PDB file of all heavy atoms in Angstrom:
ATOM      1  N   VAL A   1       2.964  -5.154  -7.145  1.00  0.00           N
ATOM      2  CA  VAL A   1       3.298  -3.891  -6.582  1.00  0.00           C
ATOM      3  C   VAL A   1       2.400  -3.508  -5.397  1.00  0.00           C
ATOM      4  O   VAL A   1       2.814  -3.096  -4.333  1.00  0.00           O
ATOM      5  CB  VAL A   1       3.255  -2.805  -7.649  1.00  0.00           C
ATOM      6  CG1 VAL A   1       3.403  -1.403  -7.019  1.00  0.00           C
ATOM      7  CG2 VAL A   1       4.361  -3.014  -8.655  1.00  0.00           C
ATOM      8  N   ILE A   2       1.090  -3.728  -5.590  1.00  0.00           N
ATOM      9  CA  ILE A   2       0.142  -3.439  -4.569  1.00  0.00           C
ATOM     10  C   ILE A   2       0.473  -4.242  -3.283  1.00  0.00           C
ATOM     11  O   ILE A   2       0.516  -3.708  -2.173  1.00  0.00           O
ATOM     12  CB  ILE A   2      -1.331  -3.742  -5.022  1.00  0.00           C
ATOM     13  CG1 ILE A   2      -1.730  -2.679  -6.060  1.00  0.00           C
ATOM     14  CG2 ILE A   2      -2.290  -3.773  -3.862  1.00  0.00           C
ATOM     15  CD1 ILE A   2      -2.995  -3.041  -6.789  1.00  0.00           C
ATOM     16  N   GLU A   3       0.698  -5.510  -3.418  1.00  0.00           N
ATOM     17  CA  GLU A   3       0.972  -6.410  -2.289  1.00  0.00           C
ATOM     18  C   GLU A   3       2.250  -6.055  -1.611  1.00  0.00           C
ATOM     19  O   GLU A   3       2.303  -5.930  -0.374  1.00  0.00           O
ATOM     20  CB  GLU A   3       0.968  -7.872  -2.701  1.00  0.00           C
ATOM     21  CG  GLU A   3       0.904  -8.868  -1.586  1.00  0.00           C
ATOM     22  CD  GLU A   3      -0.395  -8.726  -0.758  1.00  0.00           C
ATOM     23  OE1 GLU A   3      -1.436  -8.378  -1.248  1.00  0.00           O
ATOM     24  OE2 GLU A   3      -0.290  -8.976   0.489  1.00  0.00           O
ATOM     25  N   ASN A   4       3.318  -5.835  -2.436  1.00  0.00           N
ATOM     26  CA  ASN A   4       4.651  -5.489  -1.829  1.00  0.00           C
ATOM     27  C   ASN A   4       4.603  -4.131  -1.146  1.00  0.00           C
ATOM     28  O   ASN A   4       5.210  -3.981  -0.034  1.00  0.00           O
ATOM     29  CB  ASN A   4       5.702  -5.545  -2.909  1.00  0.00           C
ATOM     30  CG  ASN A   4       6.011  -6.935  -3.388  1.00  0.00           C
ATOM     31  OD1 ASN A   4       5.719  -7.969  -2.699  1.00  0.00           O
ATOM     32  ND2 ASN A   4       6.620  -7.056  -4.541  1.00  0.00           N
ATOM     33  N   PHE A   5       3.958  -3.145  -1.725  1.00  0.00           N
ATOM     34  CA  PHE A   5       3.934  -1.856  -1.100  1.00  0.00           C
ATOM     35  C   PHE A   5       3.082  -1.853   0.213  1.00  0.00           C
ATOM     36  O   PHE A   5       3.489  -1.258   1.193  1.00  0.00           O
ATOM     37  CB  PHE A   5       3.330  -0.769  -2.108  1.00  0.00           C
ATOM     38  CG  PHE A   5       3.598   0.641  -1.740  1.00  0.00           C
ATOM     39  CD1 PHE A   5       4.810   1.182  -1.882  1.00  0.00           C
ATOM     40  CD2 PHE A   5       2.571   1.398  -1.140  1.00  0.00           C
ATOM     41  CE1 PHE A   5       5.087   2.522  -1.537  1.00  0.00           C
ATOM     42  CE2 PHE A   5       2.838   2.738  -0.784  1.00  0.00           C
ATOM     43  CZ  PHE A   5       4.051   3.273  -1.033  1.00  0.00           C
ATOM     44  N   ARG A   6       1.946  -2.540   0.173  1.00  0.00           N
ATOM     45  CA  ARG A   6       1.157  -2.705   1.338  1.00  0.00           C
ATOM     46  C   ARG A   6       1.943  -3.364   2.531  1.00  0.00           C
ATOM     47  O   ARG A   6       1.917  -2.845   3.659  1.00  0.00           O
ATOM     48  CB  ARG A   6      -0.070  -3.531   1.100  1.00  0.00           C
ATOM     49  CG  ARG A   6      -1.165  -2.827   0.389  1.00  0.00           C
ATOM     50  CD  ARG A   6      -2.488  -3.631   0.329  1.00  0.00           C
ATOM     51  NE  ARG A   6      -3.086  -3.614   1.651  1.00  0.00           N
ATOM     52  CZ  ARG A   6      -3.742  -4.610   2.227  1.00  0.00           C
ATOM     53  NH1 ARG A   6      -3.776  -5.761   1.628  1.00  0.00           N
ATOM     54  NH2 ARG A   6      -4.257  -4.458   3.360  1.00  0.00           N
ATOM     55  N   ASN A   7       2.582  -4.440   2.218  1.00  0.00           N
ATOM     56  CA  ASN A   7       3.350  -5.216   3.195  1.00  0.00           C
ATOM     57  C   ASN A   7       4.478  -4.312   3.745  1.00  0.00           C
ATOM     58  O   ASN A   7       4.687  -4.213   4.964  1.00  0.00           O
ATOM     59  CB  ASN A   7       3.978  -6.446   2.609  1.00  0.00           C
ATOM     60  CG  ASN A   7       2.937  -7.529   2.390  1.00  0.00           C
ATOM     61  OD1 ASN A   7       1.864  -7.505   2.907  1.00  0.00           O
ATOM     62  ND2 ASN A   7       3.262  -8.420   1.474  1.00  0.00           N
ATOM     63  N   HIS A   8       5.152  -3.559   2.889  1.00  0.00           N
ATOM     64  CA  HIS A   8       6.287  -2.725   3.341  1.00  0.00           C
ATOM     65  C   HIS A   8       5.781  -1.602   4.207  1.00  0.00           C
ATOM     66  O   HIS A   8       6.330  -1.401   5.287  1.00  0.00           O
ATOM     67  CB  HIS A   8       7.005  -2.165   2.137  1.00  0.00           C
ATOM     68  CG  HIS A   8       8.023  -1.097   2.523  1.00  0.00           C
ATOM     69  ND1 HIS A   8       9.252  -1.425   3.053  1.00  0.00           N
ATOM     70  CD2 HIS A   8       7.966   0.223   2.455  1.00  0.00           C
ATOM     71  CE1 HIS A   8       9.912  -0.313   3.327  1.00  0.00           C
ATOM     72  NE2 HIS A   8       9.124   0.713   2.981  1.00  0.00           N
ATOM     73  N   THR A   9       4.706  -0.878   3.781  1.00  0.00           N
ATOM     74  CA  THR A   9       4.261   0.260   4.586  1.00  0.00           C
ATOM     75  C   THR A   9       3.716  -0.154   5.917  1.00  0.00           C
ATOM     76  O   THR A   9       3.868   0.525   6.902  1.00  0.00           O
ATOM     77  CB  THR A   9       3.224   1.119   3.810  1.00  0.00           C
ATOM     78  OG1 THR A   9       2.127   0.302   3.391  1.00  0.00           O
ATOM     79  CG2 THR A   9       3.821   1.795   2.624  1.00  0.00           C
ATOM     80  N   GLU A  10       3.105  -1.325   5.990  1.00  0.00           N
ATOM     81  CA  GLU A  10       2.586  -1.791   7.265  1.00  0.00           C
ATOM     82  C   GLU A  10       3.728  -2.211   8.202  1.00  0.00           C
ATOM     83  O   GLU A  10       3.764  -1.793   9.357  1.00  0.00           O
ATOM     84  CB  GLU A  10       1.626  -3.022   7.059  1.00  0.00           C
ATOM     85  CG  GLU A  10       1.041  -3.441   8.369  1.00  0.00           C
ATOM     86  CD  GLU A  10      -0.014  -4.523   8.234  1.00  0.00           C
ATOM     87  OE1 GLU A  10      -0.277  -4.964   7.063  1.00  0.00           O
ATOM     88  OE2 GLU A  10      -0.622  -4.851   9.247  1.00  0.00           O
ATOM     89  N   GLU A  11       4.699  -2.981   7.644  1.00  0.00           N
ATOM     90  CA  GLU A  11       5.794  -3.472   8.473  1.00  0.00           C
ATOM     91  C   GLU A  11       6.806  -2.384   8.910  1.00  0.00           C
ATOM     92  O   GLU A  11       7.251  -2.364  10.025  1.00  0.00           O
ATOM     93  CB  GLU A  11       6.533  -4.609   7.799  1.00  0.00           C
ATOM     94  CG  GLU A  11       5.683  -5.832   7.592  1.00  0.00           C
ATOM     95  CD  GLU A  11       6.357  -6.877   6.661  1.00  0.00           C
ATOM     96  OE1 GLU A  11       7.512  -6.718   6.307  1.00  0.00           O
ATOM     97  OE2 GLU A  11       5.652  -7.815   6.343  1.00  0.00           O
ATOM     98  N   GLU A  12       7.096  -1.497   7.940  1.00  0.00           N
ATOM     99  CA  GLU A  12       8.153  -0.523   8.208  1.00  0.00           C
ATOM    100  C   GLU A  12       7.681   0.835   8.668  1.00  0.00           C
ATOM    101  O   GLU A  12       8.353   1.559   9.378  1.00  0.00           O
ATOM    102  CB  GLU A  12       8.978  -0.310   6.907  1.00  0.00           C
ATOM    103  CG  GLU A  12       9.745  -1.477   6.464  1.00  0.00           C
ATOM    104  CD  GLU A  12      10.801  -2.011   7.473  1.00  0.00           C
ATOM    105  OE1 GLU A  12      11.418  -1.148   8.059  1.00  0.00           O
ATOM    106  OE2 GLU A  12      10.865  -3.224   7.621  1.00  0.00           O
ATOM    107  N   HIS A  13       6.423   1.221   8.296  1.00  0.00           N
ATOM    108  CA  HIS A  13       5.951   2.547   8.614  1.00  0.00           C
ATOM    109  C   HIS A  13       4.693   2.509   9.484  1.00  0.00           C
ATOM    110  O   HIS A  13       4.175   3.565   9.888  1.00  0.00           O
ATOM    111  CB  HIS A  13       5.630   3.330   7.354  1.00  0.00           C
ATOM    112  CG  HIS A  13       6.835   3.414   6.393  1.00  0.00           C
ATOM    113  ND1 HIS A  13       7.991   4.066   6.733  1.00  0.00           N
ATOM    114  CD2 HIS A  13       7.012   2.925   5.169  1.00  0.00           C
ATOM    115  CE1 HIS A  13       8.868   3.990   5.737  1.00  0.00           C
ATOM    116  NE2 HIS A  13       8.293   3.269   4.763  1.00  0.00           N
ATOM    117  N   GLY A  14       4.165   1.350   9.745  1.00  0.00           N
ATOM    118  CA  GLY A  14       3.011   1.221  10.594  1.00  0.00           C
ATOM    119  C   GLY A  14       1.665   1.709  10.046  1.00  0.00           C
ATOM    120  O   GLY A  14       0.748   2.035  10.754  1.00  0.00           O
ATOM    121  N   ILE A  15       1.631   1.707   8.709  1.00  0.00           N
ATOM    122  CA  ILE A  15       0.400   2.168   8.030  1.00  0.00           C
ATOM    123  C   ILE A  15      -0.202   1.051   7.222  1.00  0.00           C
ATOM    124  O   ILE A  15       0.536   0.428   6.397  1.00  0.00           O
ATOM    125  CB  ILE A  15       0.699   3.406   7.138  1.00  0.00           C
ATOM    126  CG1 ILE A  15       1.199   4.523   7.952  1.00  0.00           C
ATOM    127  CG2 ILE A  15      -0.551   3.785   6.245  1.00  0.00           C
ATOM    128  CD1 ILE A  15       1.667   5.739   7.100  1.00  0.00           C
ATOM    129  N   ASP A  16      -1.440   0.733   7.456  1.00  0.00           N
ATOM    130  CA  ASP A  16      -2.130  -0.370   6.765  1.00  0.00           C
ATOM    131  C   ASP A  16      -3.026   0.220   5.690  1.00  0.00           C
ATOM    132  O   ASP A  16      -4.208   0.490   5.883  1.00  0.00           O
ATOM    133  CB  ASP A  16      -2.951  -1.198   7.795  1.00  0.00           C
ATOM    134  CG  ASP A  16      -3.548  -2.413   7.107  1.00  0.00           C
ATOM    135  OD1 ASP A  16      -3.221  -2.783   6.048  1.00  0.00           O
ATOM    136  OD2 ASP A  16      -4.519  -2.998   7.734  1.00  0.00           O
ATOM    137  N   TYR A  17      -2.463   0.418   4.494  1.00  0.00           N
ATOM    138  CA  TYR A  17      -3.224   0.901   3.374  1.00  0.00           C
ATOM    139  C   TYR A  17      -4.110  -0.221   2.787  1.00  0.00           C
ATOM    140  O   TYR A  17      -3.673  -1.387   2.726  1.00  0.00           O
ATOM    141  CB  TYR A  17      -2.349   1.382   2.184  1.00  0.00           C
ATOM    142  CG  TYR A  17      -1.606   2.702   2.462  1.00  0.00           C
ATOM    143  CD1 TYR A  17      -0.239   2.708   2.585  1.00  0.00           C
ATOM    144  CD2 TYR A  17      -2.305   3.884   2.554  1.00  0.00           C
ATOM    145  CE1 TYR A  17       0.460   3.884   2.833  1.00  0.00           C
ATOM    146  CE2 TYR A  17      -1.611   5.079   2.805  1.00  0.00           C
ATOM    147  CZ  TYR A  17      -0.265   5.042   2.888  1.00  0.00           C
ATOM    148  OH  TYR A  17       0.464   6.219   3.131  1.00  0.00           O
ATOM    149  N   SER A  18      -5.315   0.074   2.360  1.00  0.00           N
ATOM    150  CA  SER A  18      -6.145  -0.935   1.707  1.00  0.00           C
ATOM    151  C   SER A  18      -5.631  -1.133   0.250  1.00  0.00           C
ATOM    152  O   SER A  18      -4.918  -0.308  -0.297  1.00  0.00           O
ATOM    153  CB  SER A  18      -7.585  -0.426   1.651  1.00  0.00           C
ATOM    154  OG  SER A  18      -7.718   0.695   0.761  1.00  0.00           O
ATOM    155  N   LYS A  19      -6.035  -2.255  -0.337  1.00  0.00           N
ATOM    156  CA  LYS A  19      -5.696  -2.469  -1.726  1.00  0.00           C
ATOM    157  C   LYS A  19      -6.233  -1.365  -2.642  1.00  0.00           C
ATOM    158  O   LYS A  19      -5.563  -0.959  -3.600  1.00  0.00           O
ATOM    159  CB  LYS A  19      -6.217  -3.843  -2.196  1.00  0.00           C
ATOM    160  CG  LYS A  19      -5.521  -5.000  -1.637  1.00  0.00           C
ATOM    161  CD  LYS A  19      -6.037  -6.318  -2.246  1.00  0.00           C
ATOM    162  CE  LYS A  19      -5.246  -7.480  -1.650  1.00  0.00           C
ATOM    163  NZ  LYS A  19      -5.617  -8.776  -2.211  1.00  0.00           N
ATOM    164  N   GLU A  20      -7.414  -0.920  -2.275  1.00  0.00           N
ATOM    165  CA  GLU A  20      -8.046   0.144  -3.065  1.00  0.00           C
ATOM    166  C   GLU A  20      -7.276   1.463  -3.044  1.00  0.00           C
ATOM    167  O   GLU A  20      -7.100   2.113  -3.991  1.00  0.00           O
ATOM    168  CB  GLU A  20      -9.451   0.358  -2.596  1.00  0.00           C
ATOM    169  CG  GLU A  20     -10.440  -0.765  -2.844  1.00  0.00           C
ATOM    170  CD  GLU A  20     -10.318  -1.903  -1.898  1.00  0.00           C
ATOM    171  OE1 GLU A  20      -9.694  -1.768  -0.829  1.00  0.00           O
ATOM    172  OE2 GLU A  20     -10.862  -3.002  -2.189  1.00  0.00           O
ATOM    173  N   ALA A  21      -6.700   1.737  -1.867  1.00  0.00           N
ATOM    174  CA  ALA A  21      -5.885   2.973  -1.699  1.00  0.00           C
ATOM    175  C   ALA A  21      -4.617   2.900  -2.566  1.00  0.00           C
ATOM    176  O   ALA A  21      -4.288   3.841  -3.229  1.00  0.00           O
ATOM    177  CB  ALA A  21      -5.559   3.203  -0.232  1.00  0.00           C
ATOM    178  N   ILE A  22      -3.973   1.770  -2.548  1.00  0.00           N
ATOM    179  CA  ILE A  22      -2.790   1.588  -3.367  1.00  0.00           C
ATOM    180  C   ILE A  22      -3.116   1.617  -4.849  1.00  0.00           C
ATOM    181  O   ILE A  22      -2.349   2.224  -5.577  1.00  0.00           O
ATOM    182  CB  ILE A  22      -2.045   0.239  -2.983  1.00  0.00           C
ATOM    183  CG1 ILE A  22      -1.729   0.129  -1.505  1.00  0.00           C
ATOM    184  CG2 ILE A  22      -0.827   0.035  -3.831  1.00  0.00           C
ATOM    185  CD1 ILE A  22      -0.756   1.175  -0.997  1.00  0.00           C
ATOM    186  N   MET A  23      -4.257   1.060  -5.219  1.00  0.00           N
ATOM    187  CA  MET A  23      -4.675   1.152  -6.576  1.00  0.00           C
ATOM    188  C   MET A  23      -4.863   2.586  -7.048  1.00  0.00           C
ATOM    189  O   MET A  23      -4.454   2.980  -8.116  1.00  0.00           O
ATOM    190  CB  MET A  23      -5.963   0.373  -6.812  1.00  0.00           C
ATOM    191  CG  MET A  23      -6.465   0.389  -8.199  1.00  0.00           C
ATOM    192  SD  MET A  23      -5.414  -0.402  -9.424  1.00  0.00           S
ATOM    193  CE  MET A  23      -5.752  -2.147  -9.039  1.00  0.00           C
ATOM    194  N   GLN A  24      -5.377   3.407  -6.132  1.00  0.00           N
ATOM    195  CA  GLN A  24      -5.568   4.824  -6.465  1.00  0.00           C
ATOM    196  C   GLN A  24      -4.206   5.490  -6.605  1.00  0.00           C
ATOM    197  O   GLN A  24      -4.095   6.375  -7.461  1.00  0.00           O
ATOM    198  CB  GLN A  24      -6.435   5.526  -5.361  1.00  0.00           C
ATOM    199  CG  GLN A  24      -7.874   5.221  -5.352  1.00  0.00           C
ATOM    200  CD  GLN A  24      -8.511   5.616  -6.684  1.00  0.00           C
ATOM    201  OE1 GLN A  24      -8.303   6.745  -7.131  1.00  0.00           O
ATOM    202  NE2 GLN A  24      -9.258   4.752  -7.200  1.00  0.00           N
ATOM    203  N   PHE A  25      -3.225   5.180  -5.745  1.00  0.00           N
ATOM    204  CA  PHE A  25      -1.895   5.711  -5.912  1.00  0.00           C
ATOM    205  C   PHE A  25      -1.381   5.398  -7.342  1.00  0.00           C
ATOM    206  O   PHE A  25      -0.809   6.268  -8.014  1.00  0.00           O
ATOM    207  CB  PHE A  25      -0.903   5.097  -4.907  1.00  0.00           C
ATOM    208  CG  PHE A  25      -1.108   5.466  -3.483  1.00  0.00           C
ATOM    209  CD1 PHE A  25      -0.484   4.700  -2.508  1.00  0.00           C
ATOM    210  CD2 PHE A  25      -1.899   6.485  -3.082  1.00  0.00           C
ATOM    211  CE1 PHE A  25      -0.631   5.077  -1.118  1.00  0.00           C
ATOM    212  CE2 PHE A  25      -2.066   6.835  -1.723  1.00  0.00           C
ATOM    213  CZ  PHE A  25      -1.481   6.096  -0.773  1.00  0.00           C
ATOM    214  N   LEU A  26      -1.526   4.160  -7.754  1.00  0.00           N
ATOM    215  CA  LEU A  26      -1.069   3.735  -9.073  1.00  0.00           C
ATOM    216  C   LEU A  26      -1.762   4.457 -10.163  1.00  0.00           C
ATOM    217  O   LEU A  26      -1.174   4.914 -11.153  1.00  0.00           O
ATOM    218  CB  LEU A  26      -1.183   2.197  -9.227  1.00  0.00           C
ATOM    219  CG  LEU A  26      -0.199   1.369  -8.429  1.00  0.00           C
ATOM    220  CD1 LEU A  26      -0.624  -0.062  -8.449  1.00  0.00           C
ATOM    221  CD2 LEU A  26       1.191   1.533  -9.069  1.00  0.00           C
ATOM    222  N   LEU A  27      -3.140   4.576 -10.078  1.00  0.00           N
ATOM    223  CA  LEU A  27      -3.876   5.253 -11.128  1.00  0.00           C
ATOM    224  C   LEU A  27      -3.525   6.721 -11.244  1.00  0.00           C
ATOM    225  O   LEU A  27      -3.387   7.263 -12.348  1.00  0.00           O
ATOM    226  CB  LEU A  27      -5.391   5.042 -10.899  1.00  0.00           C
ATOM    227  CG  LEU A  27      -5.886   3.632 -11.040  1.00  0.00           C
ATOM    228  CD1 LEU A  27      -7.364   3.560 -10.580  1.00  0.00           C
ATOM    229  CD2 LEU A  27      -5.691   3.121 -12.464  1.00  0.00           C
ATOM    230  N   ARG A  28      -3.374   7.394 -10.129  1.00  0.00           N
ATOM    231  CA  ARG A  28      -2.948   8.815 -10.110  1.00  0.00           C
ATOM    232  C   ARG A  28      -1.610   9.018 -10.734  1.00  0.00           C
ATOM    233  O   ARG A  28      -1.385   9.909 -11.444  1.00  0.00           O
ATOM    234  CB  ARG A  28      -3.003   9.412  -8.712  1.00  0.00           C
ATOM    235  CG  ARG A  28      -4.398   9.614  -8.202  1.00  0.00           C
ATOM    236  CD  ARG A  28      -4.400  10.350  -6.882  1.00  0.00           C
ATOM    237  NE  ARG A  28      -5.651  10.169  -6.201  1.00  0.00           N
ATOM    238  CZ  ARG A  28      -5.818   9.707  -5.018  1.00  0.00           C
ATOM    239  NH1 ARG A  28      -4.812   9.417  -4.265  1.00  0.00           N
ATOM    240  NH2 ARG A  28      -6.998   9.558  -4.502  1.00  0.00           N
TER     241      ARG A  28
END
């Protein structure tokens, strides 16, 4: 999920989230 969400947001929305940021999304 982390890898797929990161790839999607970078390619489609131009935002490069770190793995740590995505992990925080999941934990919250």
